[in-house]
N, C-alpha and C. Protein backbone atom coordinates (compact mmCIF):
# COMPACT_ATOMS: atom_id res chain seq x y z
N MET A 1 0.84 -1.17 0.01
CA MET A 1 0.03 -0.02 0.00
C MET A 1 0.87 1.24 0.02
N THR A 2 0.51 2.23 -0.82
CA THR A 2 1.27 3.48 -0.90
C THR A 2 1.09 4.21 0.37
N ASP A 3 2.20 4.82 0.85
CA ASP A 3 2.17 5.65 2.05
C ASP A 3 2.16 7.09 1.68
N TYR A 4 1.15 7.79 2.19
CA TYR A 4 1.01 9.25 1.87
C TYR A 4 1.20 10.07 3.15
N LEU A 5 2.14 11.03 3.11
CA LEU A 5 2.37 11.92 4.23
C LEU A 5 2.08 13.34 3.75
N LEU A 6 1.17 14.02 4.37
CA LEU A 6 0.79 15.40 3.99
C LEU A 6 1.33 16.36 4.96
N VAL A 7 2.30 17.19 4.53
CA VAL A 7 2.96 18.17 5.40
C VAL A 7 2.12 19.47 5.44
N SER A 8 1.94 19.98 6.63
CA SER A 8 0.85 20.94 6.79
C SER A 8 1.20 21.94 7.90
N PHE A 9 0.57 23.21 7.77
CA PHE A 9 0.35 24.03 8.95
C PHE A 9 -1.11 23.61 9.36
N LYS A 10 -1.43 23.73 10.66
CA LYS A 10 -2.69 23.17 11.14
C LYS A 10 -3.92 23.80 10.48
N THR A 11 -3.87 25.08 10.18
CA THR A 11 -5.05 25.76 9.65
C THR A 11 -4.92 26.20 8.23
N CYS A 12 -3.97 25.65 7.52
CA CYS A 12 -3.74 26.07 6.07
C CYS A 12 -4.86 25.56 5.19
N PRO A 13 -5.53 26.46 4.44
CA PRO A 13 -6.61 26.03 3.53
C PRO A 13 -6.14 25.22 2.32
N TRP A 14 -4.95 25.58 1.90
CA TRP A 14 -4.42 24.86 0.70
C TRP A 14 -4.06 23.41 1.00
N VAL A 15 -3.59 23.13 2.21
CA VAL A 15 -3.44 21.76 2.68
C VAL A 15 -4.79 21.07 2.81
N GLN A 16 -5.74 21.81 3.42
CA GLN A 16 -7.08 21.26 3.59
C GLN A 16 -7.66 20.78 2.25
N ARG A 17 -7.40 21.55 1.18
CA ARG A 17 -7.87 21.14 -0.15
C ARG A 17 -7.37 19.75 -0.53
N ALA A 18 -6.04 19.54 -0.33
CA ALA A 18 -5.49 18.22 -0.68
C ALA A 18 -6.01 17.13 0.24
N ALA A 19 -6.18 17.47 1.52
CA ALA A 19 -6.73 16.48 2.43
C ALA A 19 -8.19 16.06 2.09
N ILE A 20 -8.94 17.05 1.59
CA ILE A 20 -10.32 16.72 1.17
C ILE A 20 -10.29 15.70 0.03
N VAL A 21 -9.44 15.90 -0.90
CA VAL A 21 -9.40 14.95 -2.04
C VAL A 21 -8.96 13.56 -1.58
N LEU A 22 -8.02 13.52 -0.69
CA LEU A 22 -7.60 12.19 -0.16
C LEU A 22 -8.78 11.52 0.55
N ARG A 23 -9.53 12.30 1.33
CA ARG A 23 -10.64 11.73 2.04
C ARG A 23 -11.78 11.31 1.09
N GLU A 24 -12.01 12.09 0.05
CA GLU A 24 -13.02 11.76 -0.94
C GLU A 24 -12.71 10.45 -1.65
N LYS A 25 -11.45 10.15 -1.76
CA LYS A 25 -10.99 8.93 -2.46
C LYS A 25 -10.78 7.74 -1.48
N GLY A 26 -11.02 8.00 -0.21
CA GLY A 26 -10.90 6.95 0.82
C GLY A 26 -9.49 6.51 1.03
N VAL A 27 -8.50 7.41 0.86
CA VAL A 27 -7.12 7.04 0.96
C VAL A 27 -6.58 7.38 2.32
N PRO A 28 -6.02 6.34 3.02
CA PRO A 28 -5.40 6.64 4.35
C PRO A 28 -4.15 7.51 4.13
N PHE A 29 -3.97 8.48 5.03
CA PHE A 29 -2.80 9.33 4.96
C PHE A 29 -2.48 9.82 6.32
N THR A 30 -1.29 10.39 6.49
CA THR A 30 -0.82 10.89 7.73
C THR A 30 -0.45 12.33 7.62
N PHE A 31 -0.85 13.18 8.61
CA PHE A 31 -0.50 14.56 8.65
C PHE A 31 0.85 14.73 9.40
N LYS A 32 1.68 15.64 8.88
CA LYS A 32 2.91 16.10 9.57
C LYS A 32 2.75 17.59 9.70
N HIS A 33 2.45 18.10 10.87
CA HIS A 33 2.23 19.50 11.07
C HIS A 33 3.60 20.13 11.39
N ILE A 34 3.88 21.29 10.77
CA ILE A 34 5.07 22.06 11.09
C ILE A 34 4.67 23.47 11.51
N ASP A 35 5.61 24.18 12.10
CA ASP A 35 5.41 25.55 12.57
C ASP A 35 5.55 26.51 11.38
N ARG A 36 4.56 27.27 11.15
CA ARG A 36 4.61 28.25 10.02
C ARG A 36 5.78 29.18 10.19
N ASP A 37 6.09 29.58 11.38
CA ASP A 37 7.19 30.55 11.61
C ASP A 37 8.53 29.94 11.91
N ASN A 38 8.63 28.64 11.85
CA ASN A 38 9.89 27.97 12.08
C ASN A 38 9.92 26.71 11.23
N ARG A 39 10.08 26.84 9.93
CA ARG A 39 9.98 25.74 9.05
C ARG A 39 11.30 24.94 9.05
N PRO A 40 11.19 23.66 9.32
CA PRO A 40 12.48 22.90 9.55
C PRO A 40 13.21 22.68 8.25
N ASP A 41 14.51 22.40 8.37
CA ASP A 41 15.37 22.22 7.22
C ASP A 41 14.89 21.09 6.32
N TRP A 42 14.46 19.99 6.91
CA TRP A 42 14.03 18.86 6.13
C TRP A 42 12.87 19.23 5.22
N PHE A 43 12.01 20.14 5.72
CA PHE A 43 10.84 20.56 4.92
C PHE A 43 11.38 21.51 3.82
N LEU A 44 12.24 22.45 4.05
CA LEU A 44 12.75 23.34 3.08
C LEU A 44 13.43 22.57 1.97
N ALA A 45 14.01 21.45 2.27
CA ALA A 45 14.73 20.67 1.27
C ALA A 45 13.78 19.98 0.26
N ILE A 46 12.49 19.81 0.67
CA ILE A 46 11.56 19.09 -0.17
C ILE A 46 10.48 19.97 -0.74
N SER A 47 10.50 21.27 -0.35
CA SER A 47 9.43 22.20 -0.81
C SER A 47 10.13 23.38 -1.54
N PRO A 48 10.19 23.26 -2.86
CA PRO A 48 10.94 24.32 -3.62
C PRO A 48 10.40 25.72 -3.41
N HIS A 49 9.10 25.87 -3.17
CA HIS A 49 8.51 27.17 -2.90
C HIS A 49 8.41 27.53 -1.47
N LYS A 50 8.91 26.63 -0.59
CA LYS A 50 8.95 26.80 0.86
C LYS A 50 7.53 26.92 1.45
N LYS A 51 6.53 26.32 0.78
CA LYS A 51 5.18 26.39 1.21
C LYS A 51 4.60 25.02 1.42
N VAL A 52 3.52 24.96 2.21
CA VAL A 52 2.72 23.78 2.31
C VAL A 52 1.52 23.96 1.35
N PRO A 53 0.92 22.84 0.89
CA PRO A 53 1.18 21.44 1.25
C PRO A 53 2.36 20.88 0.46
N VAL A 54 2.95 19.87 1.03
CA VAL A 54 3.85 18.91 0.38
C VAL A 54 3.22 17.52 0.61
N LEU A 55 3.09 16.77 -0.47
CA LEU A 55 2.62 15.38 -0.35
C LEU A 55 3.86 14.48 -0.57
N ARG A 56 4.23 13.76 0.49
CA ARG A 56 5.39 12.86 0.42
C ARG A 56 4.87 11.47 0.17
N ILE A 57 5.31 10.82 -0.89
CA ILE A 57 4.79 9.54 -1.31
C ILE A 57 5.87 8.46 -1.14
N ASP A 58 5.59 7.48 -0.24
CA ASP A 58 6.49 6.38 0.03
C ASP A 58 7.87 6.88 0.48
N ASP A 59 7.87 8.08 1.15
CA ASP A 59 9.12 8.65 1.60
C ASP A 59 10.16 8.68 0.44
N ARG A 60 9.67 8.89 -0.72
CA ARG A 60 10.55 8.84 -1.92
C ARG A 60 10.34 10.02 -2.84
N VAL A 61 9.09 10.40 -3.04
CA VAL A 61 8.75 11.46 -3.99
C VAL A 61 7.99 12.58 -3.19
N SER A 62 8.29 13.82 -3.49
CA SER A 62 7.61 14.96 -2.82
C SER A 62 6.92 15.79 -3.91
N LEU A 63 5.61 15.93 -3.80
CA LEU A 63 4.87 16.77 -4.68
C LEU A 63 4.45 18.05 -3.92
N PHE A 64 4.41 19.17 -4.63
CA PHE A 64 4.14 20.44 -4.01
C PHE A 64 3.11 21.23 -4.86
N GLU A 65 2.52 22.25 -4.28
CA GLU A 65 1.40 23.07 -4.78
C GLU A 65 0.14 22.24 -4.79
N SER A 66 -0.86 22.82 -4.16
CA SER A 66 -2.11 22.07 -3.92
C SER A 66 -2.82 21.62 -5.21
N ASN A 67 -2.81 22.48 -6.22
CA ASN A 67 -3.50 22.11 -7.46
C ASN A 67 -2.83 20.93 -8.14
N ALA A 68 -1.51 20.92 -8.16
CA ALA A 68 -0.77 19.84 -8.77
C ALA A 68 -0.97 18.54 -7.99
N ILE A 69 -1.00 18.68 -6.66
CA ILE A 69 -1.21 17.46 -5.85
C ILE A 69 -2.58 16.86 -6.11
N CYS A 70 -3.60 17.74 -6.20
CA CYS A 70 -4.97 17.23 -6.39
C CYS A 70 -5.14 16.64 -7.79
N GLU A 71 -4.52 17.23 -8.77
CA GLU A 71 -4.61 16.64 -10.12
C GLU A 71 -3.89 15.27 -10.17
N TYR A 72 -2.76 15.20 -9.47
CA TYR A 72 -2.03 13.91 -9.44
C TYR A 72 -2.91 12.81 -8.77
N LEU A 73 -3.49 13.16 -7.62
CA LEU A 73 -4.33 12.22 -6.94
C LEU A 73 -5.50 11.80 -7.77
N ASP A 74 -6.06 12.74 -8.58
CA ASP A 74 -7.24 12.39 -9.39
C ASP A 74 -6.89 11.48 -10.53
N GLU A 75 -5.64 11.69 -11.01
CA GLU A 75 -5.20 10.87 -12.16
C GLU A 75 -4.79 9.47 -11.76
N THR A 76 -4.44 9.29 -10.51
CA THR A 76 -3.89 7.98 -10.08
C THR A 76 -4.73 7.19 -9.15
N ILE A 77 -5.78 7.76 -8.56
CA ILE A 77 -6.63 7.07 -7.57
C ILE A 77 -8.13 7.26 -7.94
N ALA A 78 -8.80 6.15 -8.04
CA ALA A 78 -10.31 6.22 -8.22
C ALA A 78 -10.94 6.51 -6.92
N PRO A 79 -12.18 7.10 -7.01
CA PRO A 79 -12.92 7.52 -8.20
C PRO A 79 -12.43 8.83 -8.72
N ARG A 80 -12.55 9.05 -9.97
CA ARG A 80 -12.20 10.26 -10.61
C ARG A 80 -13.16 11.42 -10.18
N LEU A 81 -12.69 12.56 -9.78
CA LEU A 81 -13.48 13.69 -9.43
C LEU A 81 -13.61 14.67 -10.54
N HIS A 82 -12.76 14.67 -11.49
CA HIS A 82 -12.91 15.48 -12.70
C HIS A 82 -13.96 14.85 -13.59
N PRO A 83 -14.77 15.67 -14.30
CA PRO A 83 -15.75 15.13 -15.29
C PRO A 83 -15.05 14.34 -16.41
N ALA A 84 -15.74 13.31 -16.92
CA ALA A 84 -15.17 12.53 -18.04
C ALA A 84 -15.17 13.34 -19.33
N ASP A 85 -16.15 14.20 -19.54
CA ASP A 85 -16.25 14.97 -20.77
C ASP A 85 -15.11 16.02 -20.78
N PRO A 86 -14.34 16.11 -21.90
CA PRO A 86 -13.16 17.03 -21.91
C PRO A 86 -13.54 18.48 -21.83
N VAL A 87 -14.72 18.87 -22.36
CA VAL A 87 -15.13 20.30 -22.24
C VAL A 87 -15.47 20.60 -20.83
N GLU A 88 -16.25 19.74 -20.20
CA GLU A 88 -16.61 19.97 -18.77
C GLU A 88 -15.33 19.95 -17.91
N ARG A 89 -14.39 19.09 -18.24
CA ARG A 89 -13.16 19.02 -17.48
C ARG A 89 -12.35 20.33 -17.59
N ALA A 90 -12.35 20.93 -18.80
CA ALA A 90 -11.69 22.16 -19.03
C ALA A 90 -12.37 23.28 -18.23
N VAL A 91 -13.70 23.27 -18.18
CA VAL A 91 -14.44 24.31 -17.47
C VAL A 91 -14.14 24.15 -15.96
N ASN A 92 -14.07 22.97 -15.48
CA ASN A 92 -13.73 22.73 -14.08
C ASN A 92 -12.30 23.24 -13.76
N ARG A 93 -11.39 22.96 -14.64
CA ARG A 93 -9.99 23.38 -14.40
C ARG A 93 -9.92 24.89 -14.44
N ALA A 94 -10.69 25.55 -15.35
CA ALA A 94 -10.70 27.01 -15.38
C ALA A 94 -11.12 27.60 -14.02
N TRP A 95 -12.11 27.00 -13.38
CA TRP A 95 -12.59 27.49 -12.08
C TRP A 95 -11.62 27.18 -10.93
N THR A 96 -10.89 26.04 -11.08
CA THR A 96 -9.84 25.85 -10.02
C THR A 96 -8.68 26.85 -10.26
N ASP A 97 -8.44 27.24 -11.50
CA ASP A 97 -7.44 28.30 -11.78
C ASP A 97 -7.80 29.64 -11.19
N TYR A 98 -9.11 29.85 -11.06
CA TYR A 98 -9.56 31.15 -10.48
C TYR A 98 -9.44 31.14 -8.97
N LEU A 99 -9.19 30.03 -8.36
CA LEU A 99 -9.21 29.92 -6.90
C LEU A 99 -8.33 30.94 -6.19
N PRO A 100 -7.07 31.14 -6.63
CA PRO A 100 -6.18 32.09 -5.84
C PRO A 100 -6.80 33.51 -5.83
N THR A 101 -7.40 33.94 -6.93
CA THR A 101 -8.06 35.22 -6.91
C THR A 101 -9.28 35.29 -6.01
N PHE A 102 -10.09 34.20 -6.07
CA PHE A 102 -11.21 34.11 -5.17
C PHE A 102 -10.77 34.09 -3.70
N ALA A 103 -9.76 33.34 -3.40
CA ALA A 103 -9.30 33.23 -2.02
C ALA A 103 -8.84 34.57 -1.49
N ALA A 104 -8.00 35.25 -2.29
CA ALA A 104 -7.40 36.50 -1.88
C ALA A 104 -8.50 37.55 -1.58
N ASN A 105 -9.53 37.57 -2.46
CA ASN A 105 -10.55 38.64 -2.31
C ASN A 105 -11.55 38.27 -1.24
N VAL A 106 -11.94 37.03 -1.14
CA VAL A 106 -13.01 36.65 -0.20
C VAL A 106 -12.52 36.58 1.22
N THR A 107 -11.26 36.22 1.46
CA THR A 107 -10.77 36.07 2.80
C THR A 107 -9.67 37.14 3.13
N GLY A 108 -9.54 38.16 2.24
CA GLY A 108 -8.52 39.16 2.44
C GLY A 108 -8.71 39.99 3.68
N CYS A 109 -9.99 40.07 4.16
CA CYS A 109 -10.26 40.86 5.35
C CYS A 109 -9.46 40.33 6.61
N ALA A 110 -9.11 39.09 6.52
CA ALA A 110 -8.38 38.52 7.67
C ALA A 110 -7.04 39.15 7.86
N TYR A 111 -6.51 39.80 6.85
CA TYR A 111 -5.15 40.33 6.92
C TYR A 111 -5.09 41.86 7.08
N ALA A 112 -6.32 42.51 7.19
CA ALA A 112 -6.34 43.96 7.26
C ALA A 112 -5.72 44.45 8.55
N LYS A 113 -4.88 45.44 8.44
CA LYS A 113 -4.20 45.95 9.61
C LYS A 113 -4.96 47.06 10.30
N SER A 114 -5.96 47.63 9.67
CA SER A 114 -6.73 48.72 10.30
C SER A 114 -8.18 48.59 9.86
N GLU A 115 -9.04 49.37 10.50
CA GLU A 115 -10.47 49.34 10.06
C GLU A 115 -10.61 49.82 8.68
N GLU A 116 -9.86 50.78 8.23
CA GLU A 116 -9.94 51.30 6.87
C GLU A 116 -9.50 50.22 5.91
N ASP A 117 -8.48 49.49 6.22
CA ASP A 117 -8.01 48.41 5.36
C ASP A 117 -9.06 47.29 5.31
N PHE A 118 -9.68 47.06 6.46
CA PHE A 118 -10.80 46.06 6.47
C PHE A 118 -11.90 46.49 5.53
N LYS A 119 -12.32 47.74 5.55
CA LYS A 119 -13.41 48.20 4.72
C LYS A 119 -13.01 48.13 3.22
N ARG A 120 -11.75 48.45 2.89
CA ARG A 120 -11.31 48.31 1.52
C ARG A 120 -11.28 46.85 1.07
N ALA A 121 -10.86 45.96 1.96
CA ALA A 121 -10.85 44.55 1.62
C ALA A 121 -12.31 44.02 1.45
N LEU A 122 -13.20 44.52 2.28
CA LEU A 122 -14.59 44.10 2.22
C LEU A 122 -15.22 44.45 0.87
N GLU A 123 -14.80 45.56 0.27
CA GLU A 123 -15.25 45.98 -1.03
C GLU A 123 -14.93 45.01 -2.14
N LYS A 124 -13.94 44.14 -1.89
CA LYS A 124 -13.50 43.21 -2.91
C LYS A 124 -14.27 41.83 -2.85
N VAL A 125 -15.04 41.65 -1.80
CA VAL A 125 -15.64 40.32 -1.56
C VAL A 125 -16.74 40.00 -2.57
N ALA A 126 -17.52 41.02 -2.97
CA ALA A 126 -18.72 40.77 -3.76
C ALA A 126 -18.38 40.28 -5.14
N GLU A 127 -17.37 40.82 -5.78
CA GLU A 127 -17.11 40.45 -7.19
C GLU A 127 -16.88 38.99 -7.42
N PRO A 128 -15.96 38.29 -6.65
CA PRO A 128 -15.75 36.86 -6.89
C PRO A 128 -16.97 36.02 -6.52
N LEU A 129 -17.69 36.44 -5.47
CA LEU A 129 -18.93 35.65 -5.14
C LEU A 129 -19.94 35.82 -6.28
N GLY A 130 -20.04 36.97 -6.86
CA GLY A 130 -20.94 37.23 -7.97
C GLY A 130 -20.57 36.37 -9.15
N LYS A 131 -19.30 36.24 -9.45
CA LYS A 131 -18.84 35.43 -10.58
C LYS A 131 -19.24 33.93 -10.32
N LEU A 132 -19.06 33.45 -9.08
CA LEU A 132 -19.43 32.08 -8.85
C LEU A 132 -20.96 31.94 -8.85
N GLU A 133 -21.70 32.95 -8.44
CA GLU A 133 -23.14 32.86 -8.56
C GLU A 133 -23.58 32.66 -10.00
N GLN A 134 -22.97 33.45 -10.85
CA GLN A 134 -23.31 33.40 -12.29
C GLN A 134 -22.89 32.02 -12.89
N ALA A 135 -21.75 31.49 -12.45
CA ALA A 135 -21.27 30.20 -12.94
C ALA A 135 -22.23 29.15 -12.49
N LEU A 136 -22.65 29.13 -11.22
CA LEU A 136 -23.56 28.08 -10.70
C LEU A 136 -24.92 28.14 -11.37
N ALA A 137 -25.35 29.35 -11.77
CA ALA A 137 -26.62 29.47 -12.44
C ALA A 137 -26.66 28.70 -13.79
N GLY A 138 -25.52 28.55 -14.38
CA GLY A 138 -25.44 27.84 -15.65
C GLY A 138 -25.11 26.37 -15.54
N ARG A 139 -25.01 25.86 -14.32
CA ARG A 139 -24.58 24.48 -14.13
C ARG A 139 -25.80 23.58 -13.84
N ALA A 140 -25.59 22.25 -13.87
CA ALA A 140 -26.60 21.34 -13.58
C ALA A 140 -27.15 21.51 -12.18
N SER A 141 -28.41 21.24 -11.96
CA SER A 141 -28.98 21.38 -10.64
C SER A 141 -28.41 20.29 -9.70
N GLY A 142 -28.27 20.66 -8.46
CA GLY A 142 -27.63 19.72 -7.49
C GLY A 142 -26.87 20.48 -6.48
N PRO A 143 -26.40 19.89 -5.44
CA PRO A 143 -25.75 20.60 -4.37
C PRO A 143 -24.35 21.03 -4.65
N PHE A 144 -23.67 20.40 -5.69
CA PHE A 144 -22.24 20.66 -5.92
C PHE A 144 -22.05 21.43 -7.23
N PHE A 145 -20.80 21.77 -7.54
CA PHE A 145 -20.52 22.53 -8.73
C PHE A 145 -21.01 21.84 -9.98
N ASN A 146 -20.85 20.54 -10.07
CA ASN A 146 -21.29 19.80 -11.25
C ASN A 146 -22.65 19.15 -11.03
N GLY A 147 -23.42 19.64 -10.14
CA GLY A 147 -24.73 19.05 -9.88
C GLY A 147 -24.64 18.04 -8.72
N ASP A 148 -24.96 16.77 -9.00
CA ASP A 148 -24.93 15.74 -7.97
C ASP A 148 -23.54 15.15 -7.73
N ALA A 149 -22.64 15.38 -8.71
CA ALA A 149 -21.32 14.77 -8.63
C ALA A 149 -20.30 15.71 -7.96
N TYR A 150 -19.70 15.25 -6.89
CA TYR A 150 -18.60 16.02 -6.21
C TYR A 150 -17.44 16.07 -7.08
N SER A 151 -16.66 17.22 -7.06
CA SER A 151 -15.56 17.38 -8.03
C SER A 151 -14.41 18.09 -7.33
N LEU A 152 -13.28 18.22 -8.04
CA LEU A 152 -12.14 18.93 -7.55
C LEU A 152 -12.47 20.41 -7.37
N VAL A 153 -13.39 20.95 -8.05
CA VAL A 153 -13.84 22.33 -7.82
C VAL A 153 -14.39 22.48 -6.43
N ASP A 154 -15.23 21.56 -6.03
CA ASP A 154 -15.81 21.59 -4.68
C ASP A 154 -14.73 21.50 -3.64
N ALA A 155 -13.79 20.57 -3.81
CA ALA A 155 -12.66 20.43 -2.87
C ALA A 155 -11.86 21.66 -2.76
N ALA A 156 -11.68 22.39 -3.91
CA ALA A 156 -10.88 23.62 -3.92
C ALA A 156 -11.53 24.74 -3.16
N TYR A 157 -12.82 24.91 -3.34
CA TYR A 157 -13.51 26.09 -2.78
C TYR A 157 -13.94 25.92 -1.34
N ALA A 158 -14.11 24.63 -0.94
CA ALA A 158 -14.66 24.41 0.38
C ALA A 158 -13.87 25.08 1.54
N PRO A 159 -12.56 25.00 1.51
CA PRO A 159 -11.80 25.61 2.65
C PRO A 159 -11.98 27.13 2.73
N PHE A 160 -12.14 27.78 1.61
CA PHE A 160 -12.27 29.26 1.60
C PHE A 160 -13.66 29.72 1.88
N LEU A 161 -14.65 28.94 1.46
CA LEU A 161 -16.00 29.26 1.87
C LEU A 161 -16.17 29.00 3.36
N GLN A 162 -15.48 28.06 3.88
CA GLN A 162 -15.46 27.80 5.33
C GLN A 162 -14.87 29.00 6.10
N ARG A 163 -13.74 29.48 5.57
CA ARG A 163 -13.14 30.63 6.23
C ARG A 163 -13.95 31.91 6.09
N TYR A 164 -14.63 32.03 5.00
CA TYR A 164 -15.60 33.17 4.93
C TYR A 164 -16.56 33.10 6.10
N ALA A 165 -17.11 31.95 6.32
CA ALA A 165 -18.12 31.72 7.39
C ALA A 165 -17.45 32.05 8.79
N PHE A 166 -16.17 31.67 8.97
CA PHE A 166 -15.54 31.96 10.18
C PHE A 166 -15.34 33.53 10.37
N LEU A 167 -14.90 34.14 9.30
CA LEU A 167 -14.68 35.60 9.36
C LEU A 167 -15.96 36.33 9.53
N ASP A 168 -17.02 35.84 8.95
CA ASP A 168 -18.31 36.50 9.06
C ASP A 168 -18.86 36.43 10.48
N ARG A 169 -18.40 35.43 11.22
CA ARG A 169 -18.85 35.37 12.62
C ARG A 169 -17.91 36.18 13.52
N ILE A 170 -16.73 36.43 13.09
CA ILE A 170 -15.82 37.31 13.86
C ILE A 170 -16.28 38.74 13.68
N ARG A 171 -16.55 39.10 12.49
CA ARG A 171 -16.97 40.53 12.17
C ARG A 171 -17.90 40.41 10.97
N PRO A 172 -19.22 40.55 11.19
CA PRO A 172 -20.15 40.30 10.06
C PRO A 172 -19.83 41.09 8.79
N MET A 173 -19.78 40.41 7.62
CA MET A 173 -19.57 40.99 6.36
C MET A 173 -20.83 41.15 5.55
N SER A 174 -21.81 40.25 5.78
CA SER A 174 -23.09 40.33 5.15
C SER A 174 -23.07 40.50 3.65
N VAL A 175 -22.26 39.61 3.04
CA VAL A 175 -22.16 39.59 1.58
C VAL A 175 -22.64 38.34 1.00
N LEU A 176 -22.30 37.18 1.54
CA LEU A 176 -22.68 35.93 0.93
C LEU A 176 -24.16 35.73 0.76
N GLU A 177 -24.94 36.24 1.67
CA GLU A 177 -26.39 36.04 1.58
C GLU A 177 -27.03 36.70 0.37
N ARG A 178 -26.28 37.57 -0.28
CA ARG A 178 -26.79 38.22 -1.51
C ARG A 178 -26.77 37.21 -2.69
N TYR A 179 -26.08 36.13 -2.52
CA TYR A 179 -25.88 35.14 -3.60
C TYR A 179 -26.43 33.79 -3.20
N PRO A 180 -27.69 33.51 -3.51
CA PRO A 180 -28.35 32.31 -2.93
C PRO A 180 -27.74 31.03 -3.48
N LYS A 181 -27.28 31.01 -4.70
CA LYS A 181 -26.65 29.75 -5.18
C LYS A 181 -25.37 29.43 -4.51
N VAL A 182 -24.53 30.48 -4.32
CA VAL A 182 -23.27 30.27 -3.61
C VAL A 182 -23.52 29.92 -2.16
N THR A 183 -24.55 30.53 -1.54
CA THR A 183 -24.95 30.24 -0.17
C THR A 183 -25.29 28.78 -0.02
N ALA A 184 -26.12 28.27 -0.96
CA ALA A 184 -26.52 26.81 -0.92
C ALA A 184 -25.33 25.90 -1.17
N TRP A 185 -24.49 26.30 -2.09
CA TRP A 185 -23.29 25.51 -2.40
C TRP A 185 -22.34 25.44 -1.14
N SER A 186 -22.15 26.61 -0.55
CA SER A 186 -21.30 26.65 0.65
C SER A 186 -21.88 25.73 1.78
N ALA A 187 -23.21 25.81 1.95
CA ALA A 187 -23.83 24.97 2.99
C ALA A 187 -23.60 23.48 2.72
N ALA A 188 -23.71 23.09 1.41
CA ALA A 188 -23.53 21.65 1.09
C ALA A 188 -22.09 21.24 1.28
N LEU A 189 -21.16 22.13 1.00
CA LEU A 189 -19.71 21.77 1.20
C LEU A 189 -19.33 21.69 2.66
N LEU A 190 -19.89 22.60 3.47
CA LEU A 190 -19.57 22.60 4.90
C LEU A 190 -20.28 21.45 5.60
N ALA A 191 -21.30 20.90 5.02
CA ALA A 191 -21.99 19.73 5.57
C ALA A 191 -21.31 18.43 5.20
N ARG A 192 -20.41 18.52 4.20
CA ARG A 192 -19.72 17.29 3.69
C ARG A 192 -18.64 16.83 4.70
N PRO A 193 -18.68 15.57 5.17
CA PRO A 193 -17.68 15.16 6.12
C PRO A 193 -16.22 15.29 5.67
N SER A 194 -16.00 15.17 4.37
CA SER A 194 -14.62 15.25 3.89
C SER A 194 -13.99 16.64 4.07
N THR A 195 -14.79 17.63 4.22
CA THR A 195 -14.31 19.01 4.34
C THR A 195 -13.52 19.12 5.68
N HIS A 196 -13.80 18.32 6.69
CA HIS A 196 -13.30 18.55 8.03
C HIS A 196 -12.23 17.59 8.45
N THR A 197 -11.11 18.20 8.83
CA THR A 197 -10.05 17.44 9.50
C THR A 197 -10.29 17.37 11.03
N TYR A 198 -10.86 18.46 11.53
CA TYR A 198 -11.22 18.56 12.98
C TYR A 198 -12.69 18.78 13.12
N PRO A 199 -13.24 18.57 14.32
CA PRO A 199 -14.64 18.93 14.55
C PRO A 199 -14.81 20.42 14.23
N PRO A 200 -15.86 20.84 13.53
CA PRO A 200 -15.99 22.22 13.06
C PRO A 200 -15.76 23.28 14.13
N GLN A 201 -16.38 23.10 15.32
CA GLN A 201 -16.25 24.13 16.33
C GLN A 201 -14.81 24.23 16.82
N GLU A 202 -14.15 23.08 16.98
CA GLU A 202 -12.76 23.04 17.42
C GLU A 202 -11.87 23.79 16.37
N PHE A 203 -12.17 23.53 15.09
CA PHE A 203 -11.36 24.12 14.06
C PHE A 203 -11.57 25.64 14.01
N GLU A 204 -12.80 26.07 14.20
CA GLU A 204 -13.12 27.49 14.18
C GLU A 204 -12.30 28.23 15.31
N THR A 205 -12.26 27.55 16.49
CA THR A 205 -11.49 28.09 17.57
C THR A 205 -9.98 28.24 17.18
N MET A 206 -9.44 27.19 16.52
CA MET A 206 -8.11 27.20 16.06
C MET A 206 -7.90 28.36 15.03
N TYR A 207 -8.82 28.52 14.19
CA TYR A 207 -8.69 29.57 13.18
C TYR A 207 -8.78 30.97 13.81
N ARG A 208 -9.65 31.12 14.78
CA ARG A 208 -9.70 32.41 15.49
C ARG A 208 -8.33 32.73 16.21
N GLU A 209 -7.76 31.70 16.78
CA GLU A 209 -6.48 31.89 17.41
C GLU A 209 -5.40 32.31 16.42
N THR A 210 -5.48 31.72 15.21
CA THR A 210 -4.53 32.11 14.19
C THR A 210 -4.70 33.55 13.75
N VAL A 211 -5.97 34.01 13.58
CA VAL A 211 -6.18 35.40 13.26
C VAL A 211 -5.74 36.29 14.41
N ARG A 212 -6.04 35.89 15.66
CA ARG A 212 -5.63 36.71 16.81
C ARG A 212 -4.07 36.87 16.87
N SER A 213 -3.39 35.77 16.53
CA SER A 213 -1.89 35.83 16.60
C SER A 213 -1.25 36.67 15.57
N ARG A 214 -1.97 37.01 14.52
CA ARG A 214 -1.42 37.86 13.51
C ARG A 214 -1.37 39.35 13.86
N SER A 215 -2.05 39.72 14.93
CA SER A 215 -2.10 41.11 15.40
C SER A 215 -2.71 42.03 14.27
N VAL A 216 -3.73 41.59 13.66
CA VAL A 216 -4.46 42.35 12.61
C VAL A 216 -5.65 43.00 13.27
N TRP A 217 -6.35 43.80 12.47
CA TRP A 217 -7.48 44.56 13.06
C TRP A 217 -8.56 43.68 13.63
N LEU A 218 -8.78 42.53 12.99
CA LEU A 218 -9.81 41.63 13.51
C LEU A 218 -9.43 40.92 14.81
N SER A 219 -8.15 40.97 15.20
CA SER A 219 -7.72 40.33 16.38
C SER A 219 -8.51 40.69 17.62
N GLN A 220 -8.93 42.00 17.67
CA GLN A 220 -9.63 42.46 18.85
C GLN A 220 -11.05 41.83 19.03
N PHE A 221 -11.56 41.22 17.94
CA PHE A 221 -12.85 40.63 18.04
C PHE A 221 -12.83 39.09 18.21
N CYS A 222 -11.64 38.55 18.25
CA CYS A 222 -11.43 37.10 18.44
C CYS A 222 -11.51 36.60 19.84
């Protein structure tokens, strides 16, 4: 049996994305948590970009970058989460390519240093949610991006929709509810067991502590 070791910070959403795919495929794996502020030499030697996640396979091969890891897992382990149709597969990949922009804009409030910075970051939240609302309006009906079939798109967006929910409870943003399709999609993803490495309430507490430790404007509300 192949041995999978997933190197992580405890609250990293990009690691969570890879872990979701592993869980969706029923693959046993082990977490190795490292300190974000004190990254060990052995990790720096296997992570060219000095970032998590790194997926270590049989203590022999190290894969890095969450998108590449998820694509590899989907190509090598059943069931396939990408659609079989090549056009649909391309559409799905286009939306996973959009994820860094979505993540930066939807959760950027977490890094605001002042109330003014928070308000400026909040102004950027609506546009990516609106794009996803429009995309979902043209998709098959069902709880997930591709309708009834769970996909790599769902695994990609779940961690960031979860963090939006956490941030909205720290300091209400009142944006997501303007987009009913994204709201329903988010609820379906957060109800999915594979989304969660920890019990949701425990993980939210961990996330709040991470925000508090950054000494950002939201820290005072954590």
